[in-house]
All heavy atoms as atom14 arrays in JSON, in Angstrom:
{
  "sequence": "SDEVGEANTCASRSFVLGWPTVAFVATFSSSELKEKWHSSLQRYINL",
  "atom14_mask": [
    [1, 1, 1, 1, 1, 1, 0, 0, 0, 0, 0, 0, 0, 0],
    [1, 1, 1, 1, 1, 1, 1, 1, 0, 0, 0, 0, 0, 0],
    [1, 1, 1, 1, 1, 1, 1, 1, 1, 0, 0, 0, 0, 0],
    [1, 1, 1, 1, 1, 1, 1, 0, 0, 0, 0, 0, 0, 0],
    [1, 1, 1, 1, 0, 0, 0, 0, 0, 0, 0, 0, 0, 0],
    [1, 1, 1, 1, 1, 1, 1, 1, 1, 0, 0, 0, 0, 0],
    [1, 1, 1, 1, 1, 0, 0, 0, 0, 0, 0, 0, 0, 0],
    [1, 1, 1, 1, 1, 1, 1, 1, 0, 0, 0, 0, 0, 0],
    [1, 1, 1, 1, 1, 1, 1, 0, 0, 0, 0, 0, 0, 0],
    [1, 1, 1, 1, 1, 1, 0, 0, 0, 0, 0, 0, 0, 0],
    [1, 1, 1, 1, 1, 0, 0, 0, 0, 0, 0, 0, 0, 0],
    [1, 1, 1, 1, 1, 1, 0, 0, 0, 0, 0, 0, 0, 0],
    [1, 1, 1, 1, 1, 1, 1, 1, 1, 1, 1, 0, 0, 0],
    [1, 1, 1, 1, 1, 1, 0, 0, 0, 0, 0, 0, 0, 0],
    [1, 1, 1, 1, 1, 1, 1, 1, 1, 1, 1, 0, 0, 0],
    [1, 1, 1, 1, 1, 1, 1, 0, 0, 0, 0, 0, 0, 0],
    [1, 1, 1, 1, 1, 1, 1, 1, 0, 0, 0, 0, 0, 0],
    [1, 1, 1, 1, 0, 0, 0, 0, 0, 0, 0, 0, 0, 0],
    [1, 1, 1, 1, 1, 1, 1, 1, 1, 1, 1, 1, 1, 1],
    [1, 1, 1, 1, 1, 1, 1, 0, 0, 0, 0, 0, 0, 0],
    [1, 1, 1, 1, 1, 1, 1, 0, 0, 0, 0, 0, 0, 0],
    [1, 1, 1, 1, 1, 1, 1, 0, 0, 0, 0, 0, 0, 0],
    [1, 1, 1, 1, 1, 0, 0, 0, 0, 0, 0, 0, 0, 0],
    [1, 1, 1, 1, 1, 1, 1, 1, 1, 1, 1, 0, 0, 0],
    [1, 1, 1, 1, 1, 1, 1, 0, 0, 0, 0, 0, 0, 0],
    [1, 1, 1, 1, 1, 0, 0, 0, 0, 0, 0, 0, 0, 0],
    [1, 1, 1, 1, 1, 1, 1, 0, 0, 0, 0, 0, 0, 0],
    [1, 1, 1, 1, 1, 1, 1, 1, 1, 1, 1, 0, 0, 0],
    [1, 1, 1, 1, 1, 1, 0, 0, 0, 0, 0, 0, 0, 0],
    [1, 1, 1, 1, 1, 1, 0, 0, 0, 0, 0, 0, 0, 0],
    [1, 1, 1, 1, 1, 1, 0, 0, 0, 0, 0, 0, 0, 0],
    [1, 1, 1, 1, 1, 1, 1, 1, 1, 0, 0, 0, 0, 0],
    [1, 1, 1, 1, 1, 1, 1, 1, 0, 0, 0, 0, 0, 0],
    [1, 1, 1, 1, 1, 1, 1, 1, 1, 0, 0, 0, 0, 0],
    [1, 1, 1, 1, 1, 1, 1, 1, 1, 0, 0, 0, 0, 0],
    [1, 1, 1, 1, 1, 1, 1, 1, 1, 0, 0, 0, 0, 0],
    [1, 1, 1, 1, 1, 1, 1, 1, 1, 1, 1, 1, 1, 1],
    [1, 1, 1, 1, 1, 1, 1, 1, 1, 1, 0, 0, 0, 0],
    [1, 1, 1, 1, 1, 1, 0, 0, 0, 0, 0, 0, 0, 0],
    [1, 1, 1, 1, 1, 1, 0, 0, 0, 0, 0, 0, 0, 0],
    [1, 1, 1, 1, 1, 1, 1, 1, 0, 0, 0, 0, 0, 0],
    [1, 1, 1, 1, 1, 1, 1, 1, 1, 0, 0, 0, 0, 0],
    [1, 1, 1, 1, 1, 1, 1, 1, 1, 1, 1, 0, 0, 0],
    [1, 1, 1, 1, 1, 1, 1, 1, 1, 1, 1, 1, 0, 0],
    [1, 1, 1, 1, 1, 1, 1, 1, 0, 0, 0, 0, 0, 0],
    [1, 1, 1, 1, 1, 1, 1, 1, 0, 0, 0, 0, 0, 0],
    [1, 1, 1, 1, 1, 1, 1, 1, 0, 0, 0, 0, 0, 0]
  ],
  "atom14_positions": [
    [[4.61, 218.03, -203.19], [3.74, 217.31, -204.11], [2.56, 216.78, -203.31], [2.58, 216.76, -202.09], [4.5, 216.16, -204.79], [4.84, 215.19, -203.82], [0.0, 0.0, 0.0], [0.0, 0.0, 0.0], [0.0, 0.0, 0.0], [0.0, 0.0, 0.0], [0.0, 0.0, 0.0], [0.0, 0.0, 0.0], [0.0, 0.0, 0.0], [0.0, 0.0, 0.0]],
    [[1.54, 216.32, -204.01], [0.35, 215.8, -203.31], [0.68, 214.58, -202.46], [-0.01, 214.28, -201.51], [-0.75, 215.45, -204.32], [-1.41, 216.71, -204.86], [-1.68, 217.62, -204.07], [-1.65, 216.77, -206.08], [0.0, 0.0, 0.0], [0.0, 0.0, 0.0], [0.0, 0.0, 0.0], [0.0, 0.0, 0.0], [0.0, 0.0, 0.0], [0.0, 0.0, 0.0]],
    [[1.77, 213.87, -202.81], [2.13, 212.68, -202.05], [2.79, 213.04, -200.73], [2.81, 212.24, -199.81], [3.09, 211.78, -202.85], [2.49, 211.18, -204.11], [2.5, 212.15, -205.29], [3.53, 212.82, -205.49], [1.49, 212.23, -205.98], [0.0, 0.0, 0.0], [0.0, 0.0, 0.0], [0.0, 0.0, 0.0], [0.0, 0.0, 0.0], [0.0, 0.0, 0.0]],
    [[3.4, 214.23, -200.65], [4.1, 214.62, -199.43], [3.08, 215.09, -198.4], [2.2, 215.88, -198.71], [5.11, 215.76, -199.73], [5.76, 216.25, -198.44], [6.18, 215.28, -200.7], [0.0, 0.0, 0.0], [0.0, 0.0, 0.0], [0.0, 0.0, 0.0], [0.0, 0.0, 0.0], [0.0, 0.0, 0.0], [0.0, 0.0, 0.0], [0.0, 0.0, 0.0]],
    [[3.21, 214.58, -197.2], [2.32, 215.03, -196.12], [0.92, 214.49, -196.29], [0.71, 213.42, -196.83], [0.0, 0.0, 0.0], [0.0, 0.0, 0.0], [0.0, 0.0, 0.0], [0.0, 0.0, 0.0], [0.0, 0.0, 0.0], [0.0, 0.0, 0.0], [0.0, 0.0, 0.0], [0.0, 0.0, 0.0], [0.0, 0.0, 0.0], [0.0, 0.0, 0.0]],
    [[-0.03, 215.26, -195.85], [-1.43, 214.83, -195.86], [-2.05, 215.03, -197.25], [-1.67, 215.92, -197.98], [-2.23, 215.67, -194.86], [-1.67, 215.65, -193.45], [-1.85, 214.3, -192.78], [-2.9, 213.68, -192.96], [-0.91, 213.87, -192.09], [0.0, 0.0, 0.0], [0.0, 0.0, 0.0], [0.0, 0.0, 0.0], [0.0, 0.0, 0.0], [0.0, 0.0, 0.0]],
    [[-3.02, 214.2, -197.56], [-3.7, 214.3, -198.85], [-4.5, 215.61, -198.95], [-4.74, 216.11, -200.04], [-4.63, 213.11, -199.05], [0.0, 0.0, 0.0], [0.0, 0.0, 0.0], [0.0, 0.0, 0.0], [0.0, 0.0, 0.0], [0.0, 0.0, 0.0], [0.0, 0.0, 0.0], [0.0, 0.0, 0.0], [0.0, 0.0, 0.0], [0.0, 0.0, 0.0]],
    [[-4.88, 216.18, -197.79], [-5.7, 217.39, -197.84], [-4.88, 218.67, -198.0], [-5.42, 219.75, -198.07], [-6.6, 217.49, -196.59], [-5.8, 217.59, -195.31], [-4.57, 217.57, -195.33], [-6.49, 217.67, -194.19], [0.0, 0.0, 0.0], [0.0, 0.0, 0.0], [0.0, 0.0, 0.0], [0.0, 0.0, 0.0], [0.0, 0.0, 0.0], [0.0, 0.0, 0.0]],
    [[-3.54, 218.55, -198.06], [-2.71, 219.72, -198.32], [-2.65, 219.92, -199.83], [-2.23, 219.04, -200.56], [-1.28, 219.52, -197.77], [-1.38, 219.29, -196.37], [-0.41, 220.73, -198.01], [0.0, 0.0, 0.0], [0.0, 0.0, 0.0], [0.0, 0.0, 0.0], [0.0, 0.0, 0.0], [0.0, 0.0, 0.0], [0.0, 0.0, 0.0], [0.0, 0.0, 0.0]],
    [[-3.09, 221.05, -200.29], [-3.16, 221.3, -201.73], [-1.8, 221.77, -202.24], [-1.36, 222.87, -201.9], [-4.24, 222.35, -202.0], [-4.45, 222.68, -203.74], [0.0, 0.0, 0.0], [0.0, 0.0, 0.0], [0.0, 0.0, 0.0], [0.0, 0.0, 0.0], [0.0, 0.0, 0.0], [0.0, 0.0, 0.0], [0.0, 0.0, 0.0], [0.0, 0.0, 0.0]],
    [[-1.12, 220.94, -203.04], [0.23, 221.26, -203.51], [0.26, 222.51, -204.38], [1.27, 223.21, -204.42], [0.81, 220.08, -204.27], [0.0, 0.0, 0.0], [0.0, 0.0, 0.0], [0.0, 0.0, 0.0], [0.0, 0.0, 0.0], [0.0, 0.0, 0.0], [0.0, 0.0, 0.0], [0.0, 0.0, 0.0], [0.0, 0.0, 0.0], [0.0, 0.0, 0.0]],
    [[-0.84, 222.83, -205.07], [-0.82, 224.01, -205.93], [-0.8, 225.31, -205.13], [-0.45, 226.35, -205.66], [-2.03, 223.99, -206.88], [-3.22, 224.17, -206.14], [0.0, 0.0, 0.0], [0.0, 0.0, 0.0], [0.0, 0.0, 0.0], [0.0, 0.0, 0.0], [0.0, 0.0, 0.0], [0.0, 0.0, 0.0], [0.0, 0.0, 0.0], [0.0, 0.0, 0.0]],
    [[-1.16, 225.25, -203.84], [-1.18, 226.44, -203.01], [-0.16, 226.39, -201.87], [-0.16, 227.25, -201.0], [-2.59, 226.64, -202.4], [-3.65, 226.92, -203.44], [-4.99, 227.29, -202.82], [-5.56, 226.23, -201.98], [-5.81, 226.36, -200.68], [-5.56, 227.48, -200.04], [-6.32, 225.36, -199.99], [0.0, 0.0, 0.0], [0.0, 0.0, 0.0], [0.0, 0.0, 0.0]],
    [[0.73, 225.36, -201.88], [1.62, 225.15, -200.75], [3.06, 224.91, -201.17], [3.32, 224.45, -202.28], [1.17, 223.93, -199.94], [-0.15, 224.05, -199.53], [0.0, 0.0, 0.0], [0.0, 0.0, 0.0], [0.0, 0.0, 0.0], [0.0, 0.0, 0.0], [0.0, 0.0, 0.0], [0.0, 0.0, 0.0], [0.0, 0.0, 0.0], [0.0, 0.0, 0.0]],
    [[3.99, 225.21, -200.26], [5.37, 224.78, -200.38], [5.93, 224.59, -198.98], [5.34, 225.03, -197.99], [6.23, 225.75, -201.23], [6.34, 227.15, -200.7], [7.29, 227.49, -199.75], [5.51, 228.15, -201.19], [7.41, 228.79, -199.28], [5.62, 229.46, -200.73], [6.57, 229.77, -199.77], [0.0, 0.0, 0.0], [0.0, 0.0, 0.0], [0.0, 0.0, 0.0]],
    [[7.06, 223.89, -198.91], [7.7, 223.66, -197.62], [8.6, 224.84, -197.32], [9.36, 225.31, -198.18], [8.52, 222.34, -197.64], [9.2, 222.12, -196.29], [7.61, 221.16, -197.99], [0.0, 0.0, 0.0], [0.0, 0.0, 0.0], [0.0, 0.0, 0.0], [0.0, 0.0, 0.0], [0.0, 0.0, 0.0], [0.0, 0.0, 0.0], [0.0, 0.0, 0.0]],
    [[8.5, 225.35, -196.1], [9.28, 226.48, -195.64], [10.02, 226.03, -194.39], [9.41, 225.56, -193.45], [8.33, 227.65, -195.31], [8.91, 228.92, -194.71], [9.88, 229.57, -195.68], [7.8, 229.88, -194.35], [0.0, 0.0, 0.0], [0.0, 0.0, 0.0], [0.0, 0.0, 0.0], [0.0, 0.0, 0.0], [0.0, 0.0, 0.0], [0.0, 0.0, 0.0]],
    [[11.36, 226.15, -194.42], [12.12, 225.67, -193.28], [13.31, 226.55, -192.97], [13.74, 227.38, -193.77], [0.0, 0.0, 0.0], [0.0, 0.0, 0.0], [0.0, 0.0, 0.0], [0.0, 0.0, 0.0], [0.0, 0.0, 0.0], [0.0, 0.0, 0.0], [0.0, 0.0, 0.0], [0.0, 0.0, 0.0], [0.0, 0.0, 0.0], [0.0, 0.0, 0.0]],
    [[13.83, 226.37, -191.77], [15.08, 226.98, -191.33], [15.73, 225.96, -190.41], [15.13, 224.9, -190.17], [14.86, 228.36, -190.72], [13.83, 228.49, -189.64], [14.03, 228.47, -188.3], [12.42, 228.68, -189.82], [12.85, 228.62, -187.62], [11.84, 228.76, -188.53], [11.58, 228.78, -190.93], [10.48, 228.94, -188.33], [10.23, 228.96, -190.72], [9.7, 229.05, -189.44]],
    [[16.92, 226.2, -189.9], [17.67, 225.11, -189.27], [16.94, 224.23, -188.25], [17.2, 223.05, -188.17], [18.85, 225.83, -188.6], [19.08, 227.01, -189.48], [17.71, 227.43, -189.93], [0.0, 0.0, 0.0], [0.0, 0.0, 0.0], [0.0, 0.0, 0.0], [0.0, 0.0, 0.0], [0.0, 0.0, 0.0], [0.0, 0.0, 0.0], [0.0, 0.0, 0.0]],
    [[16.0, 224.76, -187.5], [15.4, 223.94, -186.44], [13.98, 223.47, -186.73], [13.42, 222.72, -185.92], [15.37, 224.74, -185.11], [14.63, 225.95, -185.32], [16.78, 225.07, -184.64], [0.0, 0.0, 0.0], [0.0, 0.0, 0.0], [0.0, 0.0, 0.0], [0.0, 0.0, 0.0], [0.0, 0.0, 0.0], [0.0, 0.0, 0.0], [0.0, 0.0, 0.0]],
    [[13.39, 223.86, -187.85], [11.97, 223.57, -188.06], [11.61, 223.6, -189.54], [12.31, 224.23, -190.34], [11.11, 224.59, -187.26], [11.17, 225.96, -187.87], [9.68, 224.13, -187.11], [0.0, 0.0, 0.0], [0.0, 0.0, 0.0], [0.0, 0.0, 0.0], [0.0, 0.0, 0.0], [0.0, 0.0, 0.0], [0.0, 0.0, 0.0], [0.0, 0.0, 0.0]],
    [[10.54, 222.91, -189.9], [9.99, 222.99, -191.26], [8.47, 222.93, -191.18], [7.91, 222.21, -190.35], [10.52, 221.86, -192.12], [0.0, 0.0, 0.0], [0.0, 0.0, 0.0], [0.0, 0.0, 0.0], [0.0, 0.0, 0.0], [0.0, 0.0, 0.0], [0.0, 0.0, 0.0], [0.0, 0.0, 0.0], [0.0, 0.0, 0.0], [0.0, 0.0, 0.0]],
    [[7.82, 223.73, -192.02], [6.37, 223.79, -192.08], [5.93, 223.62, -193.52], [6.67, 223.94, -194.44], [5.86, 225.18, -191.64], [6.03, 225.49, -190.2], [7.11, 226.22, -189.75], [5.08, 225.07, -189.27], [7.26, 226.54, -188.42], [5.22, 225.37, -187.92], [6.31, 226.1, -187.49], [0.0, 0.0, 0.0], [0.0, 0.0, 0.0], [0.0, 0.0, 0.0]],
    [[4.69, 223.19, -193.72], [4.04, 223.31, -195.02], [3.25, 224.61, -194.95], [2.39, 224.78, -194.09], [3.11, 222.12, -195.33], [2.34, 222.36, -196.62], [3.92, 220.83, -195.43], [0.0, 0.0, 0.0], [0.0, 0.0, 0.0], [0.0, 0.0, 0.0], [0.0, 0.0, 0.0], [0.0, 0.0, 0.0], [0.0, 0.0, 0.0], [0.0, 0.0, 0.0]],
    [[3.62, 225.56, -195.82], [2.95, 226.87, -195.87], [1.89, 226.82, -196.96], [2.21, 226.56, -198.12], [3.97, 227.97, -196.15], [0.0, 0.0, 0.0], [0.0, 0.0, 0.0], [0.0, 0.0, 0.0], [0.0, 0.0, 0.0], [0.0, 0.0, 0.0], [0.0, 0.0, 0.0], [0.0, 0.0, 0.0], [0.0, 0.0, 0.0], [0.0, 0.0, 0.0]],
    [[0.63, 227.05, -196.59], [-0.48, 227.02, -197.55], [-1.09, 228.41, -197.65], [-1.45, 229.01, -196.64], [-1.55, 225.99, -197.13], [-0.93, 224.71, -197.01], [-2.68, 225.92, -198.15], [0.0, 0.0, 0.0], [0.0, 0.0, 0.0], [0.0, 0.0, 0.0], [0.0, 0.0, 0.0], [0.0, 0.0, 0.0], [0.0, 0.0, 0.0], [0.0, 0.0, 0.0]],
    [[-1.19, 228.89, -198.88], [-1.68, 230.24, -199.16], [-3.1, 230.18, -199.7], [-3.59, 229.11, -200.07], [-0.74, 230.95, -200.14], [0.63, 231.16, -199.58], [1.6, 230.17, -199.68], [0.95, 232.32, -198.89], [2.85, 230.34, -199.11], [2.19, 232.5, -198.33], [3.16, 231.51, -198.45], [0.0, 0.0, 0.0], [0.0, 0.0, 0.0], [0.0, 0.0, 0.0]],
    [[-3.75, 231.33, -199.79], [-5.16, 231.38, -200.22], [-5.35, 231.08, -201.7], [-6.44, 230.72, -202.12], [-5.77, 232.74, -199.86], [-5.03, 233.77, -200.51], [0.0, 0.0, 0.0], [0.0, 0.0, 0.0], [0.0, 0.0, 0.0], [0.0, 0.0, 0.0], [0.0, 0.0, 0.0], [0.0, 0.0, 0.0], [0.0, 0.0, 0.0], [0.0, 0.0, 0.0]],
    [[-4.29, 231.24, -202.51], [-4.41, 230.97, -203.95], [-3.07, 230.47, -204.49], [-2.02, 230.69, -203.87], [-4.82, 232.23, -204.71], [-3.75, 233.17, -204.69], [0.0, 0.0, 0.0], [0.0, 0.0, 0.0], [0.0, 0.0, 0.0], [0.0, 0.0, 0.0], [0.0, 0.0, 0.0], [0.0, 0.0, 0.0], [0.0, 0.0, 0.0], [0.0, 0.0, 0.0]],
    [[-3.1, 229.82, -205.64], [-1.85, 229.35, -206.26], [-1.01, 230.54, -206.73], [0.22, 230.49, -206.7], [-2.13, 228.38, -207.4], [-2.99, 228.96, -208.34], [0.0, 0.0, 0.0], [0.0, 0.0, 0.0], [0.0, 0.0, 0.0], [0.0, 0.0, 0.0], [0.0, 0.0, 0.0], [0.0, 0.0, 0.0], [0.0, 0.0, 0.0], [0.0, 0.0, 0.0]],
    [[-1.69, 231.64, -207.13], [-0.94, 232.83, -207.57], [-0.16, 233.44, -206.4], [1.0, 233.82, -206.55], [-1.9, 233.89, -208.14], [-2.6, 233.51, -209.43], [-3.8, 232.58, -209.22], [-4.32, 232.5, -208.1], [-4.19, 231.92, -210.21], [0.0, 0.0, 0.0], [0.0, 0.0, 0.0], [0.0, 0.0, 0.0], [0.0, 0.0, 0.0], [0.0, 0.0, 0.0]],
    [[-0.8, 233.52, -205.23], [-0.12, 234.06, -204.05], [1.03, 233.14, -203.63], [2.11, 233.6, -203.26], [-1.12, 234.25, -202.91], [-0.61, 235.0, -201.69], [-0.09, 236.39, -202.06], [-1.71, 235.11, -200.63], [0.0, 0.0, 0.0], [0.0, 0.0, 0.0], [0.0, 0.0, 0.0], [0.0, 0.0, 0.0], [0.0, 0.0, 0.0], [0.0, 0.0, 0.0]],
    [[0.8, 231.83, -203.71], [1.86, 230.87, -203.39], [3.06, 231.09, -204.32], [4.21, 231.15, -203.87], [1.34, 229.44, -203.52], [2.43, 228.38, -203.4], [2.54, 227.6, -204.68], [3.61, 226.55, -204.61], [3.67, 225.7, -205.77], [0.0, 0.0, 0.0], [0.0, 0.0, 0.0], [0.0, 0.0, 0.0], [0.0, 0.0, 0.0], [0.0, 0.0, 0.0]],
    [[2.83, 231.24, -205.62], [3.92, 231.44, -206.57], [4.65, 232.76, -206.3], [5.88, 232.83, -206.39], [3.4, 231.43, -208.01], [3.01, 230.04, -208.5], [4.14, 229.03, -208.4], [5.32, 229.38, -208.65], [3.86, 227.87, -208.06], [0.0, 0.0, 0.0], [0.0, 0.0, 0.0], [0.0, 0.0, 0.0], [0.0, 0.0, 0.0], [0.0, 0.0, 0.0]],
    [[3.9, 233.8, -205.98], [4.51, 235.1, -205.67], [5.44, 234.97, -204.46], [6.56, 235.46, -204.47], [3.41, 236.14, -205.41], [3.92, 237.52, -205.06], [2.77, 238.49, -204.84], [3.29, 239.87, -204.46], [2.21, 240.82, -204.22], [0.0, 0.0, 0.0], [0.0, 0.0, 0.0], [0.0, 0.0, 0.0], [0.0, 0.0, 0.0], [0.0, 0.0, 0.0]],
    [[4.95, 234.3, -203.4], [5.76, 234.12, -202.2], [6.97, 233.25, -202.48], [8.08, 233.57, -202.05], [4.92, 233.5, -201.07], [4.33, 234.55, -200.2], [3.07, 235.07, -200.26], [4.99, 235.25, -199.15], [2.91, 236.03, -199.3], [4.08, 236.16, -198.6], [6.28, 235.19, -198.61], [4.4, 237.01, -197.54], [6.6, 236.03, -197.56], [5.67, 236.93, -197.04]],
    [[6.77, 232.14, -203.18], [7.87, 231.21, -203.43], [8.97, 231.88, -204.24], [10.15, 231.79, -203.9], [7.34, 229.94, -204.13], [8.3, 228.81, -204.08], [8.87, 228.28, -205.2], [8.82, 228.12, -203.02], [9.69, 227.3, -204.85], [9.68, 227.18, -203.54], [0.0, 0.0, 0.0], [0.0, 0.0, 0.0], [0.0, 0.0, 0.0], [0.0, 0.0, 0.0]],
    [[8.62, 232.58, -205.31], [9.64, 233.23, -206.15], [10.31, 234.38, -205.4], [11.53, 234.56, -205.49], [9.05, 233.69, -207.48], [8.05, 234.67, -207.27], [0.0, 0.0, 0.0], [0.0, 0.0, 0.0], [0.0, 0.0, 0.0], [0.0, 0.0, 0.0], [0.0, 0.0, 0.0], [0.0, 0.0, 0.0], [0.0, 0.0, 0.0], [0.0, 0.0, 0.0]],
    [[9.53, 235.17, -204.64], [10.12, 236.28, -203.87], [11.07, 235.76, -202.8], [12.18, 236.28, -202.62], [9.03, 237.13, -203.22], [8.24, 237.74, -204.2], [0.0, 0.0, 0.0], [0.0, 0.0, 0.0], [0.0, 0.0, 0.0], [0.0, 0.0, 0.0], [0.0, 0.0, 0.0], [0.0, 0.0, 0.0], [0.0, 0.0, 0.0], [0.0, 0.0, 0.0]],
    [[10.64, 234.73, -202.08], [11.5, 234.15, -201.04], [12.8, 233.64, -201.66], [13.88, 233.93, -201.15], [10.78, 233.0, -200.33], [10.02, 233.37, -199.07], [9.19, 232.19, -198.59], [10.95, 233.83, -197.97], [0.0, 0.0, 0.0], [0.0, 0.0, 0.0], [0.0, 0.0, 0.0], [0.0, 0.0, 0.0], [0.0, 0.0, 0.0], [0.0, 0.0, 0.0]],
    [[12.69, 232.88, -202.76], [13.9, 232.34, -203.39], [14.86, 233.45, -203.81], [16.06, 233.36, -203.59], [13.54, 231.47, -204.6], [13.18, 230.05, -204.26], [14.21, 229.39, -203.36], [13.87, 228.87, -202.3], [15.48, 229.41, -203.72], [0.0, 0.0, 0.0], [0.0, 0.0, 0.0], [0.0, 0.0, 0.0], [0.0, 0.0, 0.0], [0.0, 0.0, 0.0]],
    [[14.32, 234.51, -204.38], [15.15, 235.62, -204.84], [15.9, 236.25, -203.67], [17.11, 236.45, -203.72], [14.27, 236.66, -205.54], [15.05, 237.87, -205.98], [14.2, 238.82, -206.8], [15.0, 240.0, -207.1], [14.52, 241.22, -207.07], [13.27, 241.44, -206.79], [15.31, 242.24, -207.35], [0.0, 0.0, 0.0], [0.0, 0.0, 0.0], [0.0, 0.0, 0.0]],
    [[15.18, 236.57, -202.59], [15.82, 237.26, -201.47], [16.67, 236.33, -200.61], [17.64, 236.76, -200.0], [14.77, 238.03, -200.66], [14.34, 239.26, -201.43], [13.19, 239.28, -202.19], [15.14, 240.4, -201.44], [12.83, 240.39, -202.93], [14.78, 241.52, -202.17], [13.63, 241.52, -202.91], [13.29, 242.62, -203.65], [0.0, 0.0, 0.0], [0.0, 0.0, 0.0]],
    [[16.33, 235.04, -200.56], [17.19, 234.06, -199.89], [18.52, 233.99, -200.62], [19.59, 234.02, -200.0], [16.52, 232.67, -199.84], [15.37, 232.67, -198.82], [17.53, 231.57, -199.5], [14.48, 231.44, -198.9], [0.0, 0.0, 0.0], [0.0, 0.0, 0.0], [0.0, 0.0, 0.0], [0.0, 0.0, 0.0], [0.0, 0.0, 0.0], [0.0, 0.0, 0.0]],
    [[18.47, 233.9, -201.95], [19.71, 233.83, -202.74], [20.55, 235.09, -202.56], [21.77, 235.01, -202.41], [19.4, 233.6, -204.23], [18.85, 232.21, -204.48], [19.04, 231.29, -203.68], [18.16, 232.05, -205.6], [0.0, 0.0, 0.0], [0.0, 0.0, 0.0], [0.0, 0.0, 0.0], [0.0, 0.0, 0.0], [0.0, 0.0, 0.0], [0.0, 0.0, 0.0]],
    [[19.91, 236.26, -202.55], [20.65, 237.51, -202.35], [21.29, 237.55, -200.96], [22.45, 237.96, -200.81], [19.72, 238.72, -202.52], [19.29, 239.05, -203.94], [18.21, 240.13, -203.94], [20.49, 239.5, -204.78], [0.0, 0.0, 0.0], [0.0, 0.0, 0.0], [0.0, 0.0, 0.0], [0.0, 0.0, 0.0], [0.0, 0.0, 0.0], [0.0, 0.0, 0.0]]
  ]
}
């Protein structure tokens, strides 16, 4: 969300990406690309 992290991180183009030792805010060039990545990652993580 806009409250998480820095105010200049655009929540519509970003999500948190993590694994056991690290977490990043991943920011993409567009909200559409962010949604594509987020849904694809969730699908293949679940599989």
